[in-house]
Amino acid sequence: MIETIKHLIPNFGEWFKEWLKPISAETLGLLAVILLHSATVPTLLAVLTGLSDKLPTVELVLLTWAGLACLFAQAVVNANRLITVTVSVGFMMQAAFMALIFFK
């Protein structure tokens, strides 16, 4: 059993390297932006629909927005319009969700 595991670990590393080659850094950056924006959406939607009365913690929102602001700054410096637009649209959507909750 241990020999099988020892044999699989190097093979997994090689497989992962081969699998990751066609994925570009821009694709991974876009995925990171989408996942960061998605972190608070379920909670905000639950509050909007009345399924929950608990808002996301302030730390979660601030750290998520800080990370997104860093990705936005990186995209502006690198002149990456896709990430810049994606982050901007995400900020607008989250701000709209929060405004709907607070001014409901």
Protein backbone atom coordinates (compact mmCIF):
# COMPACT_ATOMS: atom_id res chain seq x y z
CA MET A 1 0.00 0.00 0.00
CA ILE A 2 2.77 2.45 0.94
CA GLU A 3 4.67 1.60 -2.23
CA THR A 4 1.57 2.38 -4.29
CA ILE A 5 1.18 5.75 -2.57
CA LYS A 6 4.87 6.54 -3.08
CA HIS A 7 4.44 5.71 -6.76
CA LEU A 8 1.29 7.87 -7.12
CA ILE A 9 2.70 11.04 -5.55
CA PRO A 10 5.37 11.73 -8.22
CA ASN A 11 2.92 10.76 -10.95
CA PHE A 12 0.34 13.16 -9.57
CA GLY A 13 2.87 15.98 -9.62
CA GLU A 14 3.71 15.32 -13.25
CA TRP A 15 0.03 15.00 -14.17
CA PHE A 16 -0.78 18.28 -12.45
CA LYS A 17 2.05 20.09 -14.26
CA GLU A 18 0.82 18.79 -17.61
CA TRP A 19 -2.79 19.67 -16.77
CA LEU A 20 -1.84 23.19 -15.68
CA LYS A 21 0.29 24.05 -18.75
CA PRO A 22 -2.55 25.15 -21.05
CA ILE A 23 -4.13 27.29 -18.32
CA SER A 24 -2.77 30.81 -18.49
CA ALA A 25 -2.04 33.15 -15.61
CA GLU A 26 -4.80 35.44 -16.87
CA THR A 27 -7.32 32.61 -16.64
CA LEU A 28 -6.29 31.88 -13.07
CA GLY A 29 -6.50 35.60 -12.25
CA LEU A 30 -10.01 35.80 -13.68
CA LEU A 31 -11.01 32.73 -11.70
CA ALA A 32 -9.62 34.34 -8.53
CA VAL A 33 -11.64 37.50 -9.16
CA ILE A 34 -14.84 35.54 -9.72
CA LEU A 35 -14.30 33.43 -6.60
CA LEU A 36 -13.57 36.49 -4.46
CA HIS A 37 -16.71 38.22 -5.67
CA SER A 38 -18.69 35.06 -5.01
CA ALA A 39 -17.58 34.90 -1.37
CA THR A 40 -20.25 37.30 -0.09
CA VAL A 41 -22.99 36.87 -2.70
CA PRO A 42 -24.81 33.89 -1.10
CA THR A 43 -25.12 35.67 2.24
CA LEU A 44 -26.27 38.91 0.61
CA LEU A 45 -28.87 37.07 -1.47
CA ALA A 46 -30.12 35.20 1.63
CA VAL A 47 -30.58 38.51 3.45
CA LEU A 48 -32.34 40.06 0.46
CA THR A 49 -34.78 37.17 0.13
CA GLY A 50 -35.46 37.01 3.86
CA LEU A 51 -33.94 33.56 4.38
CA SER A 52 -31.43 34.94 6.86
CA ASP A 53 -30.98 38.04 8.94
CA LYS A 54 -27.22 37.64 9.40
CA LEU A 55 -25.02 39.84 7.23
CA PRO A 56 -21.51 38.77 6.27
CA THR A 57 -18.94 39.81 8.82
CA VAL A 58 -17.22 43.14 8.30
CA GLU A 59 -13.82 41.43 8.20
CA LEU A 60 -14.91 39.15 5.37
CA VAL A 61 -16.22 42.02 3.29
CA LEU A 62 -13.25 44.31 3.97
CA LEU A 63 -10.63 41.64 3.28
CA THR A 64 -12.44 40.48 0.14
CA TRP A 65 -12.72 44.03 -1.16
CA ALA A 66 -9.07 44.72 -0.27
CA GLY A 67 -7.98 41.65 -2.23
CA LEU A 68 -10.14 42.70 -5.16
CA ALA A 69 -8.73 46.22 -5.00
CA CYS A 70 -5.21 44.75 -5.22
CA LEU A 71 -6.22 42.62 -8.21
CA PHE A 72 -7.81 45.71 -9.78
CA ALA A 73 -4.61 47.73 -9.29
CA GLN A 74 -2.56 44.90 -10.79
CA ALA A 75 -4.91 44.71 -13.78
CA VAL A 76 -4.65 48.47 -14.35
CA VAL A 77 -0.86 48.36 -14.19
CA ASN A 78 -0.77 45.37 -16.58
CA ALA A 79 -3.41 46.97 -18.84
CA ASN A 80 -5.60 43.87 -18.51
CA ARG A 81 -9.03 45.14 -19.51
CA LEU A 82 -10.88 41.88 -18.85
CA ILE A 83 -9.88 41.77 -15.17
CA THR A 84 -10.41 45.53 -14.81
CA VAL A 85 -13.96 45.30 -16.17
CA THR A 86 -14.73 42.13 -14.21
CA VAL A 87 -13.63 43.65 -10.90
CA SER A 88 -15.47 46.90 -11.65
CA VAL A 89 -18.73 45.11 -12.47
CA GLY A 90 -18.36 42.96 -9.36
CA PHE A 91 -17.83 46.01 -7.16
CA MET A 92 -20.94 47.63 -8.64
CA MET A 93 -23.04 44.50 -8.12
CA GLN A 94 -21.92 44.08 -4.52
CA ALA A 95 -22.47 47.75 -3.78
CA ALA A 96 -25.98 47.45 -5.27
CA PHE A 97 -26.71 44.37 -3.11
CA MET A 98 -25.56 46.21 0.00
CA ALA A 99 -27.57 49.31 -0.88
CA LEU A 100 -30.69 47.17 -1.35
CA ILE A 101 -30.13 45.61 2.06
CA PHE A 102 -29.39 48.80 3.94
CA PHE A 103 -32.03 50.97 2.31
CA LYS A 104 -34.74 48.29 2.20
